Amino acid sequence: MKLLFALVPLFVWGLPNSLAAQVRDGISTGKDVVYGEDGVDVLYSHTSGIHLIAHSQGAGIGAHYGLFLNAKTSKSINSDLVFFKHEKEEKTSNPVYNDGLPYVFGKLHSFLVFRINIETRKELTPKLRQGAVRVERIFRYGIGLGLEKPVYLEIGYPEIPYDYLATELYNPNEHFYNDIYGRSPWVNGLDEMNVIPGGNLNYALGFEYGDVRGVTRHIELGTSLDVFVRPVEIMAVQFVESQLFFLSLYLKIGLGANWTQK
């Protein structure tokens, strides 16, 4: 996530505010002014893109594909795979065996959300000249499938110094600092993953600043709400309460394309 934020200046560099008039019927059209090319304005029919997400409780990836309803509005199918962590998570290590993987004491599940949303984008201010920014209002709603994967740990027996290690499902009533050697590989528990149905709402402002016709580069700032049919137990209830909903702020960086399909 730190790398994602570090890349932001590379995307936003050179995004000045701009005002310009469009010239029509004779010299150039609106798109000529924006991209510095001769030609005609094209009403695009299709749009698609991929994106990276950094949010207040984790990170994720996603993509969208859709159609333009008119010159200013598009409707798409948007999908995201987003990782969530609890704010109380804090990694620790075995004080004697430094080779053990760091783990979060009290963490029962890793939690991801797979979202499938209907996305509507509406232009608020157009891109009027080369180097300008197009501002959009974005609204999404749809389903979110919570993926609750059990955490497995490497447990040492009988006591420090250990004679052997065993990979076991973490049990906060049985496993403590002195017998946890470290975290086991993340793939352990994939076959025991629980699916929790839910829903998602998303509202954002988007800023598109691509300088090549038909290619989009955009930054999106917004808020997202995920709600599930039962509480999600990332941390054991002995430590914190389970969560029924997740409200997060996010930053999204994306690359995409618009085109006309005959």
C-alpha atoms as a PDB file:
ATOM      1  CA  MET A   1       0.000   0.000   0.000  1.00  0.00           C
ATOM      2  CA  LYS A   2       2.962   2.317   0.694  1.00  0.00           C
ATOM      3  CA  LEU A   3       4.199   1.666  -2.861  1.00  0.00           C
ATOM      4  CA  LEU A   4       0.761   2.562  -4.225  1.00  0.00           C
ATOM      5  CA  PHE A   5       0.762   5.907  -2.440  1.00  0.00           C
ATOM      6  CA  ALA A   6       4.344   6.521  -3.589  1.00  0.00           C
ATOM      7  CA  LEU A   7       3.193   6.201  -7.216  1.00  0.00           C
ATOM      8  CA  VAL A   8       0.503   8.858  -6.872  1.00  0.00           C
ATOM      9  CA  PRO A   9       2.819  11.831  -7.612  1.00  0.00           C
ATOM     10  CA  LEU A  10       3.810  10.186 -10.908  1.00  0.00           C
ATOM     11  CA  PHE A  11       0.156  10.120 -11.972  1.00  0.00           C
ATOM     12  CA  VAL A  12      -0.916  13.532 -10.725  1.00  0.00           C
ATOM     13  CA  TRP A  13       2.195  15.442 -11.857  1.00  0.00           C
ATOM     14  CA  GLY A  14       1.243  18.063 -14.396  1.00  0.00           C
ATOM     15  CA  LEU A  15      -2.501  18.270 -13.740  1.00  0.00           C
ATOM     16  CA  PRO A  16      -3.196  22.032 -13.985  1.00  0.00           C
ATOM     17  CA  ASN A  17      -6.614  23.654 -13.742  1.00  0.00           C
ATOM     18  CA  SER A  18      -7.703  24.902 -17.130  1.00  0.00           C
ATOM     19  CA  LEU A  19     -10.261  27.056 -18.931  1.00  0.00           C
ATOM     20  CA  ALA A  20     -10.583  27.210 -22.731  1.00  0.00           C
ATOM     21  CA  ALA A  21     -13.151  27.788 -25.453  1.00  0.00           C
ATOM     22  CA  GLN A  22     -14.056  25.176 -28.055  1.00  0.00           C
ATOM     23  CA  VAL A  23     -13.723  26.068 -31.749  1.00  0.00           C
ATOM     24  CA  ARG A  24     -16.161  24.412 -34.162  1.00  0.00           C
ATOM     25  CA  ASP A  25     -17.118  24.325 -37.844  1.00  0.00           C
ATOM     26  CA  GLY A  26     -13.969  25.144 -39.736  1.00  0.00           C
ATOM     27  CA  ILE A  27     -10.757  24.793 -37.778  1.00  0.00           C
ATOM     28  CA  SER A  28     -10.961  22.294 -34.969  1.00  0.00           C
ATOM     29  CA  THR A  29     -13.396  20.491 -32.745  1.00  0.00           C
ATOM     30  CA  GLY A  30     -13.461  20.108 -28.970  1.00  0.00           C
ATOM     31  CA  LYS A  31     -11.272  16.984 -29.056  1.00  0.00           C
ATOM     32  CA  ASP A  32      -8.771  18.725 -31.351  1.00  0.00           C
ATOM     33  CA  VAL A  33      -8.315  21.404 -28.700  1.00  0.00           C
ATOM     34  CA  VAL A  34      -7.850  18.807 -25.960  1.00  0.00           C
ATOM     35  CA  TYR A  35      -5.444  16.482 -27.733  1.00  0.00           C
ATOM     36  CA  GLY A  36      -3.817  18.757 -30.304  1.00  0.00           C
ATOM     37  CA  GLU A  37      -4.963  16.593 -33.226  1.00  0.00           C
ATOM     38  CA  ASP A  38      -6.952  17.309 -36.381  1.00  0.00           C
ATOM     39  CA  GLY A  39     -10.130  15.291 -36.797  1.00  0.00           C
ATOM     40  CA  VAL A  40     -13.664  15.085 -35.528  1.00  0.00           C
ATOM     41  CA  ASP A  41     -15.247  14.504 -32.151  1.00  0.00           C
ATOM     42  CA  VAL A  42     -16.041  10.853 -31.584  1.00  0.00           C
ATOM     43  CA  LEU A  43     -18.976   9.717 -29.469  1.00  0.00           C
ATOM     44  CA  TYR A  44     -17.592   6.647 -27.743  1.00  0.00           C
ATOM     45  CA  SER A  45     -19.786   3.608 -27.175  1.00  0.00           C
ATOM     46  CA  HIS A  46     -17.648   1.410 -24.865  1.00  0.00           C
ATOM     47  CA  THR A  47     -15.386   1.880 -21.861  1.00  0.00           C
ATOM     48  CA  SER A  48     -13.156  -0.396 -19.788  1.00  0.00           C
ATOM     49  CA  GLY A  49     -10.307  -0.182 -17.309  1.00  0.00           C
ATOM     50  CA  ILE A  50      -8.282  -1.706 -14.484  1.00  0.00           C
ATOM     51  CA  HIS A  51      -7.345  -0.120 -11.147  1.00  0.00           C
ATOM     52  CA  LEU A  52      -5.442  -0.401  -7.874  1.00  0.00           C
ATOM     53  CA  ILE A  53      -7.112   0.501  -4.574  1.00  0.00           C
ATOM     54  CA  ALA A  54      -5.600   1.738  -1.315  1.00  0.00           C
ATOM     55  CA  HIS A  55      -8.175   2.187   1.444  1.00  0.00           C
ATOM     56  CA  SER A  56      -8.246   2.939   5.145  1.00  0.00           C
ATOM     57  CA  GLN A  57      -8.384  -0.764   6.106  1.00  0.00           C
ATOM     58  CA  GLY A  58      -6.363  -2.443   3.369  1.00  0.00           C
ATOM     59  CA  ALA A  59      -5.880  -2.564  -0.404  1.00  0.00           C
ATOM     60  CA  GLY A  60      -7.195  -4.250  -3.537  1.00  0.00           C
ATOM     61  CA  ILE A  61      -7.477  -4.501  -7.307  1.00  0.00           C
ATOM     62  CA  GLY A  62     -10.376  -4.256  -9.751  1.00  0.00           C
ATOM     63  CA  ALA A  63     -11.712  -3.692 -13.247  1.00  0.00           C
ATOM     64  CA  HIS A  64     -14.760  -2.337 -15.085  1.00  0.00           C
ATOM     65  CA  TYR A  65     -16.431  -2.743 -18.480  1.00  0.00           C
ATOM     66  CA  GLY A  66     -19.425  -0.835 -19.781  1.00  0.00           C
ATOM     67  CA  LEU A  67     -21.282   1.352 -22.251  1.00  0.00           C
ATOM     68  CA  PHE A  68     -21.770   5.081 -22.759  1.00  0.00           C
ATOM     69  CA  LEU A  69     -25.410   6.120 -22.416  1.00  0.00           C
ATOM     70  CA  ASN A  70     -24.593   9.516 -23.915  1.00  0.00           C
ATOM     71  CA  ALA A  71     -21.588  11.815 -24.232  1.00  0.00           C
ATOM     72  CA  LYS A  72     -21.485  12.537 -20.503  1.00  0.00           C
ATOM     73  CA  THR A  73     -22.743   9.354 -18.808  1.00  0.00           C
ATOM     74  CA  SER A  74     -21.613   5.722 -18.794  1.00  0.00           C
ATOM     75  CA  LYS A  75     -22.868   2.606 -17.049  1.00  0.00           C
ATOM     76  CA  SER A  76     -20.563  -0.342 -16.307  1.00  0.00           C
ATOM     77  CA  ILE A  77     -20.111  -3.574 -14.431  1.00  0.00           C
ATOM     78  CA  ASN A  78     -17.384  -3.026 -11.824  1.00  0.00           C
ATOM     79  CA  SER A  79     -15.626  -5.779  -9.872  1.00  0.00           C
ATOM     80  CA  ASP A  80     -13.153  -5.455  -6.985  1.00  0.00           C
ATOM     81  CA  LEU A  81     -11.190  -7.869  -4.831  1.00  0.00           C
ATOM     82  CA  VAL A  82     -10.338  -6.021  -1.612  1.00  0.00           C
ATOM     83  CA  PHE A  83      -8.400  -7.109   1.466  1.00  0.00           C
ATOM     84  CA  PHE A  84      -9.510  -5.869   4.913  1.00  0.00           C
ATOM     85  CA  LYS A  85      -7.629  -5.916   8.196  1.00  0.00           C
ATOM     86  CA  HIS A  86      -8.797  -4.971  11.682  1.00  0.00           C
ATOM     87  CA  GLU A  87      -7.519  -1.711  13.153  1.00  0.00           C
ATOM     88  CA  LYS A  88      -6.329  -3.623  16.241  1.00  0.00           C
ATOM     89  CA  GLU A  89      -4.031  -5.932  14.291  1.00  0.00           C
ATOM     90  CA  GLU A  90      -0.413  -5.781  15.410  1.00  0.00           C
ATOM     91  CA  LYS A  91       2.256  -8.200  14.225  1.00  0.00           C
ATOM     92  CA  THR A  92       4.505  -9.967  16.719  1.00  0.00           C
ATOM     93  CA  SER A  93       7.169 -12.680  16.597  1.00  0.00           C
ATOM     94  CA  ASN A  94       8.382 -15.553  18.741  1.00  0.00           C
ATOM     95  CA  PRO A  95      10.932 -14.029  21.189  1.00  0.00           C
ATOM     96  CA  VAL A  96      13.233 -17.074  20.992  1.00  0.00           C
ATOM     97  CA  TYR A  97      12.875 -18.415  17.440  1.00  0.00           C
ATOM     98  CA  ASN A  98      13.583 -15.558  15.032  1.00  0.00           C
ATOM     99  CA  ASP A  99      13.004 -17.727  11.958  1.00  0.00           C
ATOM    100  CA  GLY A 100       9.246 -17.948  12.560  1.00  0.00           C
ATOM    101  CA  LEU A 101       6.999 -15.816  10.347  1.00  0.00           C
ATOM    102  CA  PRO A 102       5.433 -12.791  12.119  1.00  0.00           C
ATOM    103  CA  TYR A 103       1.816 -13.301  13.152  1.00  0.00           C
ATOM    104  CA  VAL A 104      -1.064 -11.329  14.671  1.00  0.00           C
ATOM    105  CA  PHE A 105      -1.953 -12.628  18.113  1.00  0.00           C
ATOM    106  CA  GLY A 106      -5.734 -12.990  18.374  1.00  0.00           C
ATOM    107  CA  LYS A 107      -6.389 -12.992  14.608  1.00  0.00           C
ATOM    108  CA  LEU A 108      -8.813 -15.774  13.627  1.00  0.00           C
ATOM    109  CA  HIS A 109      -9.448 -15.002   9.949  1.00  0.00           C
ATOM    110  CA  SER A 110      -8.000 -13.248   6.957  1.00  0.00           C
ATOM    111  CA  PHE A 111     -10.819 -11.334   5.273  1.00  0.00           C
ATOM    112  CA  LEU A 112     -11.343 -10.386   1.635  1.00  0.00           C
ATOM    113  CA  VAL A 113     -14.377  -8.999  -0.186  1.00  0.00           C
ATOM    114  CA  PHE A 114     -15.269  -9.727  -3.797  1.00  0.00           C
ATOM    115  CA  ARG A 115     -17.613  -7.002  -5.086  1.00  0.00           C
ATOM    116  CA  ILE A 116     -19.757  -6.950  -8.210  1.00  0.00           C
ATOM    117  CA  ASN A 117     -21.335  -3.521  -8.700  1.00  0.00           C
ATOM    118  CA  ILE A 118     -23.351  -1.501 -11.163  1.00  0.00           C
ATOM    119  CA  GLU A 119     -21.323   1.659 -11.776  1.00  0.00           C
ATOM    120  CA  THR A 120     -22.656   4.984 -13.104  1.00  0.00           C
ATOM    121  CA  ARG A 121     -20.235   7.760 -14.104  1.00  0.00           C
ATOM    122  CA  LYS A 122     -21.516  11.257 -14.908  1.00  0.00           C
ATOM    123  CA  GLU A 123     -19.354  14.093 -16.156  1.00  0.00           C
ATOM    124  CA  LEU A 124     -19.389  17.209 -13.949  1.00  0.00           C
ATOM    125  CA  THR A 125     -16.821  19.308 -15.809  1.00  0.00           C
ATOM    126  CA  PRO A 126     -15.411  18.431 -19.254  1.00  0.00           C
ATOM    127  CA  LYS A 127     -11.811  18.414 -20.387  1.00  0.00           C
ATOM    128  CA  LEU A 128     -11.557  21.588 -22.475  1.00  0.00           C
ATOM    129  CA  ARG A 129      -7.936  21.742 -23.546  1.00  0.00           C
ATOM    130  CA  GLN A 130      -4.709  19.761 -23.591  1.00  0.00           C
ATOM    131  CA  GLY A 131      -3.433  19.110 -20.073  1.00  0.00           C
ATOM    132  CA  ALA A 132      -6.843  19.659 -18.480  1.00  0.00           C
ATOM    133  CA  VAL A 133      -8.771  17.388 -16.111  1.00  0.00           C
ATOM    134  CA  ARG A 134     -12.213  15.845 -16.558  1.00  0.00           C
ATOM    135  CA  VAL A 135     -14.179  15.576 -13.295  1.00  0.00           C
ATOM    136  CA  GLU A 136     -16.771  12.836 -12.821  1.00  0.00           C
ATOM    137  CA  ARG A 137     -19.294  11.826 -10.169  1.00  0.00           C
ATOM    138  CA  ILE A 138     -19.281   8.056  -9.584  1.00  0.00           C
ATOM    139  CA  PHE A 139     -21.900   5.940  -7.844  1.00  0.00           C
ATOM    140  CA  ARG A 140     -21.847   2.151  -7.388  1.00  0.00           C
ATOM    141  CA  TYR A 141     -24.144  -0.360  -5.760  1.00  0.00           C
ATOM    142  CA  GLY A 142     -24.198  -4.135  -5.741  1.00  0.00           C
ATOM    143  CA  ILE A 143     -23.294  -7.302  -3.897  1.00  0.00           C
ATOM    144  CA  GLY A 144     -20.235  -8.088  -1.829  1.00  0.00           C
ATOM    145  CA  LEU A 145     -19.153 -11.624  -0.989  1.00  0.00           C
ATOM    146  CA  GLY A 146     -17.076 -11.717   2.189  1.00  0.00           C
ATOM    147  CA  LEU A 147     -14.369 -14.410   2.129  1.00  0.00           C
ATOM    148  CA  GLU A 148     -13.390 -15.415   5.667  1.00  0.00           C
ATOM    149  CA  LYS A 149     -10.259 -17.622   5.624  1.00  0.00           C
ATOM    150  CA  PRO A 150      -9.136 -19.316   8.873  1.00  0.00           C
ATOM    151  CA  VAL A 151      -5.662 -18.491  10.177  1.00  0.00           C
ATOM    152  CA  TYR A 152      -3.195 -21.349  10.682  1.00  0.00           C
ATOM    153  CA  LEU A 153      -0.105 -21.133  12.879  1.00  0.00           C
ATOM    154  CA  GLU A 154       3.033 -23.186  13.457  1.00  0.00           C
ATOM    155  CA  ILE A 155       2.748 -24.473  17.036  1.00  0.00           C
ATOM    156  CA  GLY A 156       5.799 -25.728  18.973  1.00  0.00           C
ATOM    157  CA  TYR A 157       5.704 -28.814  21.229  1.00  0.00           C
ATOM    158  CA  PRO A 158       6.108 -29.559  24.039  1.00  0.00           C
ATOM    159  CA  GLU A 159       7.509 -26.228  25.354  1.00  0.00           C
ATOM    160  CA  ILE A 160      10.448 -23.951  24.593  1.00  0.00           C
ATOM    161  CA  PRO A 161      12.838 -25.371  23.456  1.00  0.00           C
ATOM    162  CA  TYR A 162      10.509 -27.137  21.014  1.00  0.00           C
ATOM    163  CA  ASP A 163      11.039 -30.725  19.902  1.00  0.00           C
ATOM    164  CA  TYR A 164       8.803 -30.400  16.841  1.00  0.00           C
ATOM    165  CA  LEU A 165       6.353 -28.073  15.082  1.00  0.00           C
ATOM    166  CA  ALA A 166       2.763 -28.727  14.003  1.00  0.00           C
ATOM    167  CA  THR A 167       0.582 -26.659  11.635  1.00  0.00           C
ATOM    168  CA  GLU A 168      -2.700 -26.025  13.453  1.00  0.00           C
ATOM    169  CA  LEU A 169      -5.827 -23.917  13.167  1.00  0.00           C
ATOM    170  CA  TYR A 170      -5.410 -21.002  15.574  1.00  0.00           C
ATOM    171  CA  ASN A 171      -7.439 -21.414  18.764  1.00  0.00           C
ATOM    172  CA  PRO A 172      -7.261 -18.418  21.152  1.00  0.00           C
ATOM    173  CA  ASN A 173      -8.225 -20.678  24.067  1.00  0.00           C
ATOM    174  CA  GLU A 174      -5.317 -23.055  23.495  1.00  0.00           C
ATOM    175  CA  HIS A 175      -2.489 -21.184  21.757  1.00  0.00           C
ATOM    176  CA  PHE A 176      -0.433 -18.500  23.493  1.00  0.00           C
ATOM    177  CA  TYR A 177       2.763 -16.524  22.935  1.00  0.00           C
ATOM    178  CA  ASN A 178       5.035 -19.219  24.396  1.00  0.00           C
ATOM    179  CA  ASP A 179       3.873 -22.011  22.070  1.00  0.00           C
ATOM    180  CA  ILE A 180       3.349 -20.087  18.802  1.00  0.00           C
ATOM    181  CA  TYR A 181       6.437 -20.488  16.638  1.00  0.00           C
ATOM    182  CA  GLY A 182       5.016 -18.309  13.832  1.00  0.00           C
ATOM    183  CA  ARG A 183       2.448 -17.947  11.092  1.00  0.00           C
ATOM    184  CA  SER A 184       2.010 -20.793   8.609  1.00  0.00           C
ATOM    185  CA  PRO A 185       1.818 -20.125   4.813  1.00  0.00           C
ATOM    186  CA  TRP A 186      -1.286 -18.167   3.788  1.00  0.00           C
ATOM    187  CA  VAL A 187      -2.611 -20.972   1.571  1.00  0.00           C
ATOM    188  CA  ASN A 188      -3.435 -23.068   4.634  1.00  0.00           C
ATOM    189  CA  GLY A 189      -7.171 -22.779   5.226  1.00  0.00           C
ATOM    190  CA  LEU A 190      -8.215 -21.902   1.665  1.00  0.00           C
ATOM    191  CA  ASP A 191     -10.333 -25.063   1.484  1.00  0.00           C
ATOM    192  CA  GLU A 192     -12.142 -23.990   4.682  1.00  0.00           C
ATOM    193  CA  MET A 193     -13.059 -20.490   3.538  1.00  0.00           C
ATOM    194  CA  ASN A 194     -16.483 -19.195   4.597  1.00  0.00           C
ATOM    195  CA  VAL A 195     -18.561 -17.064   2.210  1.00  0.00           C
ATOM    196  CA  ILE A 196     -20.616 -14.279   3.830  1.00  0.00           C
ATOM    197  CA  PRO A 197     -23.167 -12.555   1.536  1.00  0.00           C
ATOM    198  CA  GLY A 198     -23.492  -8.800   1.752  1.00  0.00           C
ATOM    199  CA  GLY A 199     -23.949  -5.554  -0.133  1.00  0.00           C
ATOM    200  CA  ASN A 200     -21.842  -2.562  -1.130  1.00  0.00           C
ATOM    201  CA  LEU A 201     -22.434   1.165  -1.715  1.00  0.00           C
ATOM    202  CA  ASN A 202     -19.796   3.461  -3.132  1.00  0.00           C
ATOM    203  CA  TYR A 203     -19.640   7.192  -3.882  1.00  0.00           C
ATOM    204  CA  ALA A 204     -16.656   9.031  -5.318  1.00  0.00           C
ATOM    205  CA  LEU A 205     -15.253  11.845  -7.427  1.00  0.00           C
ATOM    206  CA  GLY A 206     -13.069  10.854 -10.369  1.00  0.00           C
ATOM    207  CA  PHE A 207     -10.374  12.898 -12.102  1.00  0.00           C
ATOM    208  CA  GLU A 208      -9.418  11.782 -15.634  1.00  0.00           C
ATOM    209  CA  TYR A 209      -6.289  13.320 -17.134  1.00  0.00           C
ATOM    210  CA  GLY A 210      -5.148  11.139 -20.040  1.00  0.00           C
ATOM    211  CA  ASP A 211      -3.469  13.012 -22.891  1.00  0.00           C
ATOM    212  CA  VAL A 212      -4.058  10.369 -25.594  1.00  0.00           C
ATOM    213  CA  ARG A 213      -7.453  10.173 -27.270  1.00  0.00           C
ATOM    214  CA  GLY A 214      -9.253   6.996 -26.230  1.00  0.00           C
ATOM    215  CA  VAL A 215      -6.832   6.199 -23.384  1.00  0.00           C
ATOM    216  CA  THR A 216      -7.859   7.148 -19.857  1.00  0.00           C
ATOM    217  CA  ARG A 217      -5.754   7.678 -16.755  1.00  0.00           C
ATOM    218  CA  HIS A 218      -7.698   8.521 -13.646  1.00  0.00           C
ATOM    219  CA  ILE A 219      -7.582   9.052  -9.910  1.00  0.00           C
ATOM    220  CA  GLU A 220     -10.652   8.450  -7.764  1.00  0.00           C
ATOM    221  CA  LEU A 221     -11.317   9.579  -4.196  1.00  0.00           C
ATOM    222  CA  GLY A 222     -14.327   8.210  -2.374  1.00  0.00           C
ATOM    223  CA  THR A 223     -15.992   6.320   0.414  1.00  0.00           C
ATOM    224  CA  SER A 224     -17.301   2.751   0.462  1.00  0.00           C
ATOM    225  CA  LEU A 225     -19.701   0.870   2.742  1.00  0.00           C
ATOM    226  CA  ASP A 226     -19.739  -2.946   2.943  1.00  0.00           C
ATOM    227  CA  VAL A 227     -22.512  -4.613   4.991  1.00  0.00           C
ATOM    228  CA  PHE A 228     -22.859  -8.369   5.638  1.00  0.00           C
ATOM    229  CA  VAL A 229     -25.634 -10.698   6.797  1.00  0.00           C
ATOM    230  CA  ARG A 230     -23.655 -11.726   9.880  1.00  0.00           C
ATOM    231  CA  PRO A 231     -20.737 -10.230  11.852  1.00  0.00           C
ATOM    232  CA  VAL A 232     -17.257 -10.853  10.459  1.00  0.00           C
ATOM    233  CA  GLU A 233     -14.792 -12.231  13.026  1.00  0.00           C
ATOM    234  CA  ILE A 234     -11.333 -11.084  11.938  1.00  0.00           C
ATOM    235  CA  MET A 235     -10.071 -10.912  15.534  1.00  0.00           C
ATOM    236  CA  ALA A 236     -11.310 -13.297  18.228  1.00  0.00           C
ATOM    237  CA  VAL A 237     -14.240 -12.013  20.267  1.00  0.00           C
ATOM    238  CA  GLN A 238     -12.053 -12.335  23.391  1.00  0.00           C
ATOM    239  CA  PHE A 239     -10.099  -9.332  22.063  1.00  0.00           C
ATOM    240  CA  VAL A 240     -12.540  -7.155  20.068  1.00  0.00           C
ATOM    241  CA  GLU A 241     -16.141  -7.213  18.873  1.00  0.00           C
ATOM    242  CA  SER A 242     -16.955  -8.693  15.474  1.00  0.00           C
ATOM    243  CA  GLN A 243     -17.931  -6.273  12.669  1.00  0.00           C
ATOM    244  CA  LEU A 244     -21.164  -6.265  10.709  1.00  0.00           C
ATOM    245  CA  PHE A 245     -20.178  -3.420   8.370  1.00  0.00           C
ATOM    246  CA  PHE A 246     -16.993  -1.777   7.090  1.00  0.00           C
ATOM    247  CA  LEU A 247     -16.905   1.935   6.225  1.00  0.00           C
ATOM    248  CA  SER A 248     -13.721   2.982   4.464  1.00  0.00           C
ATOM    249  CA  LEU A 249     -12.164   5.899   2.607  1.00  0.00           C
ATOM    250  CA  TYR A 250     -10.171   5.007  -0.479  1.00  0.00           C
ATOM    251  CA  LEU A 251      -7.842   6.191  -3.218  1.00  0.00           C
ATOM    252  CA  LYS A 252      -8.017   4.470  -6.596  1.00  0.00           C
ATOM    253  CA  ILE A 253      -5.534   4.758  -9.477  1.00  0.00           C
ATOM    254  CA  GLY A 254      -6.619   3.407 -12.846  1.00  0.00           C
ATOM    255  CA  LEU A 255      -5.802   2.971 -16.511  1.00  0.00           C
ATOM    256  CA  GLY A 256      -8.421   2.346 -19.171  1.00  0.00           C
ATOM    257  CA  ALA A 257      -9.749   2.914 -22.677  1.00  0.00           C
ATOM    258  CA  ASN A 258     -12.797   4.323 -24.463  1.00  0.00           C
ATOM    259  CA  TRP A 259     -13.716   3.256 -27.990  1.00  0.00           C
ATOM    260  CA  THR A 260     -16.489   3.077 -30.551  1.00  0.00           C
ATOM    261  CA  GLN A 261     -17.667  -0.373 -31.572  1.00  0.00           C
ATOM    262  CA  LYS A 262     -19.454  -0.530 -34.888  1.00  0.00           C
END
